[in-house]
N, C-alpha and C. Protein backbone atom coordinates (compact mmCIF):
# COMPACT_ATOMS: atom_id res chain seq x y z
N MET A 1 1.05 -1.39 -0.20
CA MET A 1 -0.17 0.16 -0.08
C MET A 1 0.87 1.18 -0.01
N ILE A 2 0.49 2.39 -0.78
CA ILE A 2 0.98 3.47 -0.68
C ILE A 2 0.16 4.45 0.09
N LEU A 3 0.47 5.29 0.75
CA LEU A 3 0.05 6.32 1.28
C LEU A 3 0.41 7.67 0.92
N VAL A 4 -0.45 8.49 0.26
CA VAL A 4 0.18 9.72 -0.62
C VAL A 4 -0.68 10.85 0.33
N SER A 5 0.11 12.05 0.56
CA SER A 5 -0.20 12.89 1.18
C SER A 5 0.09 14.11 0.33
N ASP A 6 -0.90 15.07 -0.26
CA ASP A 6 -0.48 15.89 -1.24
C ASP A 6 -1.40 16.87 -1.16
N ASP A 7 -1.28 18.17 -1.22
CA ASP A 7 -2.32 19.44 -1.35
C ASP A 7 -3.10 19.20 -2.46
N GLU A 8 -2.74 18.63 -3.78
CA GLU A 8 -3.38 18.57 -4.92
C GLU A 8 -3.77 17.22 -4.84
N PRO A 9 -5.12 17.01 -5.01
CA PRO A 9 -6.00 15.94 -4.96
C PRO A 9 -5.44 15.11 -6.07
N SER A 10 -5.29 15.79 -7.40
CA SER A 10 -5.03 15.01 -8.81
C SER A 10 -3.82 13.73 -8.59
N VAL A 11 -2.70 14.23 -7.64
CA VAL A 11 -1.79 13.50 -7.56
C VAL A 11 -2.05 11.91 -7.03
N ALA A 12 -2.91 12.13 -6.28
CA ALA A 12 -3.47 10.61 -5.41
C ALA A 12 -4.22 10.26 -6.29
N GLU A 13 -5.35 11.00 -6.74
CA GLU A 13 -6.38 10.37 -8.02
C GLU A 13 -5.60 9.81 -8.80
N SER A 14 -4.76 10.42 -9.36
CA SER A 14 -3.62 9.57 -10.83
C SER A 14 -3.48 8.51 -10.50
N LEU A 15 -2.68 8.57 -9.05
CA LEU A 15 -2.15 7.28 -8.53
C LEU A 15 -2.84 5.90 -8.44
N SER A 16 -4.10 6.33 -7.57
CA SER A 16 -5.15 5.64 -7.27
C SER A 16 -5.80 4.83 -8.50
N LYS A 17 -6.06 5.67 -9.55
CA LYS A 17 -6.51 4.86 -10.83
C LYS A 17 -5.45 3.89 -11.29
N ALA A 18 -4.24 4.35 -11.58
CA ALA A 18 -2.94 3.31 -11.76
C ALA A 18 -2.91 2.15 -11.11
N GLY A 19 -3.24 2.31 -9.63
CA GLY A 19 -3.04 0.94 -8.60
C GLY A 19 -3.66 -0.30 -8.88
N PRO A 20 -4.75 -0.29 -9.51
CA PRO A 20 -5.30 -1.82 -9.41
C PRO A 20 -4.43 -2.57 -10.50
N SER A 21 -4.19 -1.73 -11.70
CA SER A 21 -3.40 -2.20 -12.80
C SER A 21 -2.27 -2.72 -12.30
N LEU A 22 -1.61 -2.26 -11.42
CA LEU A 22 -0.18 -2.80 -10.89
C LEU A 22 -0.60 -3.52 -9.48
N ASN A 23 -1.64 -3.75 -9.41
CA ASN A 23 -1.87 -4.43 -7.80
C ASN A 23 -1.37 -4.00 -6.71
N VAL A 24 -1.59 -2.54 -6.55
CA VAL A 24 -1.40 -1.91 -5.58
C VAL A 24 -2.49 -1.10 -4.82
N ALA A 25 -2.82 -0.61 -3.59
CA ALA A 25 -3.59 0.07 -3.07
C ALA A 25 -3.03 1.51 -2.94
N VAL A 26 -3.56 2.48 -3.46
CA VAL A 26 -3.10 4.14 -3.21
C VAL A 26 -4.47 4.49 -2.41
N LEU A 27 -3.71 5.20 -1.11
CA LEU A 27 -4.48 5.78 -0.20
C LEU A 27 -4.15 7.13 -0.23
N SER A 28 -5.21 8.22 0.22
CA SER A 28 -4.82 9.45 0.47
C SER A 28 -5.13 9.93 1.72
N GLU A 29 -4.27 10.81 2.27
CA GLU A 29 -4.79 11.58 3.75
C GLU A 29 -4.03 12.66 3.68
N ASN A 30 -4.87 13.59 4.37
CA ASN A 30 -4.36 15.09 4.62
C ASN A 30 -3.10 15.25 5.70
N LYS A 31 -2.33 16.23 5.40
CA LYS A 31 -1.02 16.22 6.18
C LYS A 31 -1.21 15.97 7.48
N SER A 32 -2.56 16.42 8.02
CA SER A 32 -2.60 16.76 9.64
C SER A 32 -2.79 15.15 10.19
N LYS A 33 -3.13 14.34 9.25
CA LYS A 33 -3.78 12.69 9.73
C LYS A 33 -2.75 11.86 9.42
N VAL A 34 -1.64 12.04 8.28
CA VAL A 34 -0.70 11.15 7.73
C VAL A 34 -0.16 10.51 8.63
N VAL A 35 0.64 10.99 9.84
CA VAL A 35 1.34 10.23 10.96
C VAL A 35 0.54 9.10 11.33
N GLU A 36 -0.55 9.56 11.69
CA GLU A 36 -1.47 8.83 12.23
C GLU A 36 -1.93 7.66 11.40
N ARG A 37 -2.44 8.11 10.35
CA ARG A 37 -2.86 7.03 9.36
C ARG A 37 -1.41 5.92 9.08
N ALA A 38 0.05 6.28 9.03
CA ALA A 38 1.00 5.58 8.77
C ALA A 38 1.15 4.64 9.92
N ARG A 39 1.15 5.47 11.22
CA ARG A 39 1.42 4.27 12.41
C ARG A 39 0.18 3.18 12.24
N ARG A 40 -0.87 3.38 11.79
CA ARG A 40 -2.30 2.34 12.07
C ARG A 40 -2.04 1.63 10.92
N ASP A 41 -1.84 1.97 9.41
CA ASP A 41 -1.89 0.98 8.42
C ASP A 41 -0.52 0.66 8.10
N ARG A 42 0.61 1.10 8.26
CA ARG A 42 1.91 0.47 8.29
C ARG A 42 1.98 0.60 6.63
N PRO A 43 2.02 1.64 5.79
CA PRO A 43 2.04 1.25 4.34
C PRO A 43 3.59 1.20 3.91
N ASP A 44 3.73 0.58 2.71
CA ASP A 44 5.06 0.17 2.09
C ASP A 44 5.77 1.46 1.95
N LEU A 45 4.92 2.55 1.76
CA LEU A 45 5.65 3.64 0.95
C LEU A 45 4.66 4.88 1.50
N VAL A 46 5.24 6.17 1.89
CA VAL A 46 4.54 7.29 2.02
C VAL A 46 4.93 7.97 1.07
N VAL A 47 4.32 8.92 0.26
CA VAL A 47 4.44 9.93 -0.77
C VAL A 47 4.01 11.02 -0.21
N LEU A 48 5.04 12.16 0.12
CA LEU A 48 4.44 13.15 0.95
C LEU A 48 5.31 14.65 0.13
N ASP A 49 4.18 15.33 0.11
CA ASP A 49 4.37 16.99 -0.52
C ASP A 49 5.00 17.81 0.66
N VAL A 50 5.98 18.20 0.55
CA VAL A 50 6.81 19.32 1.36
C VAL A 50 7.14 20.68 0.86
N GLN A 51 5.87 21.02 0.10
CA GLN A 51 6.21 22.45 -0.29
C GLN A 51 6.08 23.30 0.59
N HIS A 52 5.51 23.11 1.89
CA HIS A 52 5.24 24.19 2.71
C HIS A 52 5.86 23.68 3.97
N LYS A 53 6.11 24.33 5.08
CA LYS A 53 6.74 24.13 6.20
C LYS A 53 6.19 22.85 6.94
N ASP A 54 5.03 23.05 6.92
CA ASP A 54 4.04 21.73 7.83
C ASP A 54 4.65 20.44 7.35
N GLY A 55 4.95 20.25 5.78
CA GLY A 55 5.65 19.13 5.25
C GLY A 55 6.54 18.60 5.67
N PHE A 56 7.39 19.38 5.91
CA PHE A 56 8.86 19.03 6.56
C PHE A 56 8.69 18.47 8.08
N GLU A 57 7.86 19.04 8.73
CA GLU A 57 7.46 18.80 10.12
C GLU A 57 6.87 17.38 10.23
N VAL A 58 6.08 17.08 8.85
CA VAL A 58 5.27 15.83 8.92
C VAL A 58 6.27 14.77 8.79
N LEU A 59 7.21 14.93 7.88
CA LEU A 59 8.41 14.03 7.53
C LEU A 59 9.40 13.76 8.54
N SER A 60 9.41 14.74 9.56
CA SER A 60 10.49 14.79 10.73
C SER A 60 9.73 13.60 11.49
N LEU A 61 8.31 13.76 11.82
CA LEU A 61 7.59 13.16 12.54
C LEU A 61 7.57 11.70 11.99
N LEU A 62 7.43 11.48 11.17
CA LEU A 62 7.56 10.16 10.34
C LEU A 62 8.76 9.48 10.56
N LYS A 63 9.81 10.08 10.33
CA LYS A 63 11.17 9.47 10.27
C LYS A 63 11.74 9.46 11.75
N THR A 64 11.29 9.93 12.75
CA THR A 64 11.50 9.91 14.05
C THR A 64 10.59 8.97 14.80
N GLY A 65 9.27 9.06 14.26
CA GLY A 65 8.63 8.08 15.04
C GLY A 65 8.84 6.59 15.32
N ARG A 66 8.56 5.86 16.55
CA ARG A 66 9.11 4.67 16.62
C ARG A 66 8.21 3.57 15.76
N ASN A 67 6.98 3.99 15.56
CA ASN A 67 6.24 2.77 14.68
C ASN A 67 6.43 3.24 13.22
N THR A 68 6.92 4.44 12.74
CA THR A 68 7.00 4.87 11.52
C THR A 68 8.32 5.11 10.69
N LYS A 69 9.11 4.95 11.67
CA LYS A 69 10.89 5.75 11.13
C LYS A 69 11.29 4.56 10.06
N ASP A 70 10.88 3.23 9.91
CA ASP A 70 11.40 2.56 9.02
C ASP A 70 10.45 2.58 7.68
N ILE A 71 9.45 3.37 7.59
CA ILE A 71 8.48 3.15 6.22
C ILE A 71 9.29 4.33 5.59
N PRO A 72 9.48 3.73 4.20
CA PRO A 72 10.24 4.83 3.33
C PRO A 72 9.19 5.96 2.93
N VAL A 73 9.92 7.08 2.76
CA VAL A 73 9.21 8.42 2.29
C VAL A 73 9.53 8.81 1.04
N VAL A 74 9.22 9.11 0.01
CA VAL A 74 9.55 9.93 -0.85
C VAL A 74 8.48 11.08 -1.07
N VAL A 75 9.60 12.27 -0.97
CA VAL A 75 9.01 13.44 -0.83
C VAL A 75 8.77 13.84 -2.58
N ILE A 76 7.82 14.68 -2.78
CA ILE A 76 7.36 15.52 -3.84
C ILE A 76 7.35 16.91 -3.60
N ALA A 77 7.66 17.70 -4.46
CA ALA A 77 7.67 19.12 -4.30
C ALA A 77 7.68 19.84 -5.59
N GLN A 78 6.74 20.77 -5.99
CA GLN A 78 6.68 21.77 -7.02
C GLN A 78 7.92 22.33 -7.52
N ASN A 79 8.94 22.60 -6.37
CA ASN A 79 9.98 23.42 -7.13
C ASN A 79 11.10 22.09 -6.52
N ASP A 80 11.99 22.16 -7.81
CA ASP A 80 13.05 21.40 -7.61
C ASP A 80 14.65 21.82 -7.36
N ALA A 81 14.26 23.02 -6.44
CA ALA A 81 15.46 23.82 -6.05
C ALA A 81 16.44 22.77 -5.09
N PRO A 82 17.76 22.80 -5.29
CA PRO A 82 18.65 22.19 -4.76
C PRO A 82 18.55 22.25 -3.26
N GLU A 83 18.28 23.48 -2.85
CA GLU A 83 18.34 23.51 -1.46
C GLU A 83 17.00 22.80 -0.81
N LEU A 84 15.65 22.66 -1.25
CA LEU A 84 14.80 22.00 -0.88
C LEU A 84 14.95 20.40 -1.19
N ARG A 85 15.54 19.90 -2.10
CA ARG A 85 16.02 18.57 -2.32
C ARG A 85 16.93 18.03 -1.07
N GLU A 86 18.00 18.92 -0.79
CA GLU A 86 18.95 18.70 0.22
C GLU A 86 18.21 18.66 1.78
N MET A 87 17.30 19.54 1.82
CA MET A 87 16.84 19.70 3.06
C MET A 87 15.73 18.55 3.40
N ALA A 88 14.98 18.08 2.43
CA ALA A 88 14.08 17.05 2.35
C ALA A 88 14.77 15.68 2.84
N LEU A 89 16.24 15.54 2.26
CA LEU A 89 16.89 14.32 2.26
C LEU A 89 17.76 14.36 3.63
N GLU A 90 17.97 15.81 4.21
CA GLU A 90 18.50 15.83 5.39
C GLU A 90 17.58 15.45 6.48
N VAL A 91 16.35 15.64 6.41
CA VAL A 91 15.33 15.71 7.50
C VAL A 91 15.05 13.95 7.27
N GLY A 92 15.57 13.26 6.34
CA GLY A 92 15.02 11.72 6.49
C GLY A 92 14.38 11.18 5.32
N ALA A 93 14.26 12.13 4.40
CA ALA A 93 13.24 11.57 3.06
C ALA A 93 14.23 10.31 2.40
N ASP A 94 13.83 9.32 1.82
CA ASP A 94 14.13 8.11 1.15
C ASP A 94 14.47 8.66 -0.17
N GLY A 95 13.93 9.37 -0.84
CA GLY A 95 13.88 9.99 -2.22
C GLY A 95 12.85 11.42 -2.41
N PHE A 96 13.27 12.08 -3.59
CA PHE A 96 12.74 13.43 -3.89
C PHE A 96 12.40 13.25 -5.16
N ILE A 97 11.14 13.58 -5.65
CA ILE A 97 10.56 13.79 -6.87
C ILE A 97 10.05 15.18 -7.12
N ALA A 98 10.50 15.67 -8.26
CA ALA A 98 9.97 17.25 -8.60
C ALA A 98 8.69 17.15 -9.63
N LYS A 99 7.59 17.82 -9.21
CA LYS A 99 6.60 17.78 -9.97
C LYS A 99 6.72 18.63 -11.50
N PRO A 100 6.10 18.28 -12.27
CA PRO A 100 4.89 17.57 -12.44
C PRO A 100 5.69 16.15 -12.39
N LEU A 101 4.68 15.22 -11.88
CA LEU A 101 4.79 13.94 -11.78
C LEU A 101 4.54 13.15 -13.37
N GLY A 102 5.54 12.62 -13.82
CA GLY A 102 5.07 11.84 -15.16
C GLY A 102 4.19 10.41 -14.90
N LYS A 103 3.61 9.88 -16.16
CA LYS A 103 2.65 8.94 -16.01
C LYS A 103 3.42 7.56 -15.60
N ASP A 104 4.70 7.61 -15.35
CA ASP A 104 5.33 6.41 -15.09
C ASP A 104 5.85 6.63 -13.44
N ILE A 105 5.17 7.25 -13.08
CA ILE A 105 5.51 7.37 -11.45
C ILE A 105 5.16 6.53 -10.74
N LEU A 106 3.75 5.65 -10.63
CA LEU A 106 3.43 4.66 -9.86
C LEU A 106 4.59 3.45 -10.23
N PRO A 107 5.00 3.14 -11.18
CA PRO A 107 5.68 2.00 -11.32
C PRO A 107 7.07 2.15 -10.80
N LYS A 108 7.49 3.36 -10.81
CA LYS A 108 8.91 3.83 -10.34
C LYS A 108 8.87 3.65 -8.87
N LEU A 109 7.76 4.34 -8.37
CA LEU A 109 7.23 4.00 -6.80
C LEU A 109 7.44 2.42 -6.24
N LEU A 110 6.98 1.53 -7.26
CA LEU A 110 6.91 0.15 -7.01
C LEU A 110 8.19 -0.49 -7.17
N LEU A 111 8.87 -0.10 -8.07
CA LEU A 111 10.51 -0.36 -8.05
C LEU A 111 11.26 -0.08 -7.03
N PHE A 112 11.05 1.30 -6.53
CA PHE A 112 11.68 1.76 -5.11
C PHE A 112 11.35 0.76 -4.06
N ILE A 113 10.03 0.62 -3.80
CA ILE A 113 9.56 -0.18 -2.68
C ILE A 113 10.28 -1.60 -2.83
N SER A 114 10.19 -2.33 -4.33
CA SER A 114 10.91 -3.76 -4.26
C SER A 114 12.41 -3.58 -4.08
N GLY A 115 12.89 -2.63 -4.50
CA GLY A 115 14.48 -2.40 -3.97
C GLY A 115 14.64 -2.22 -2.58
N ARG A 116 13.81 -1.72 -1.89
CA ARG A 116 14.04 -1.61 -0.26
C ARG A 116 13.46 -2.87 0.47
N LYS A 117 12.75 -3.75 -0.08
CA LYS A 117 12.53 -4.79 0.39
C LYS A 117 13.40 -5.96 0.31
N ARG A 118 14.51 -5.57 -0.42
CA ARG A 118 15.29 -6.82 -0.69
C ARG A 118 16.40 -6.86 0.60
């Protein structure tokens, strides 16, 4: 299962539509509840928008939480500024992808998950 938290509903919607064909569940959650949802559901991956300061706070909570620190988090952001990418990786992100996301994003995320499970 992939848990998506993004201010743009279109990201989660497009991943959800492609999910069944790749045999993966894609769930969406708002930033205020994503940590709680990750604790409860233990997704294989969290896709998190960090465009605003609260996104980095959520990333930090996920990567330092006892029940969530081992869940990989791929950060997405509208801006591919090197400082934003660097900050996300410093806070604990396992990957960084700039928007707009391509149509091949879900297969890439699944490859990322399978590579981490080995």
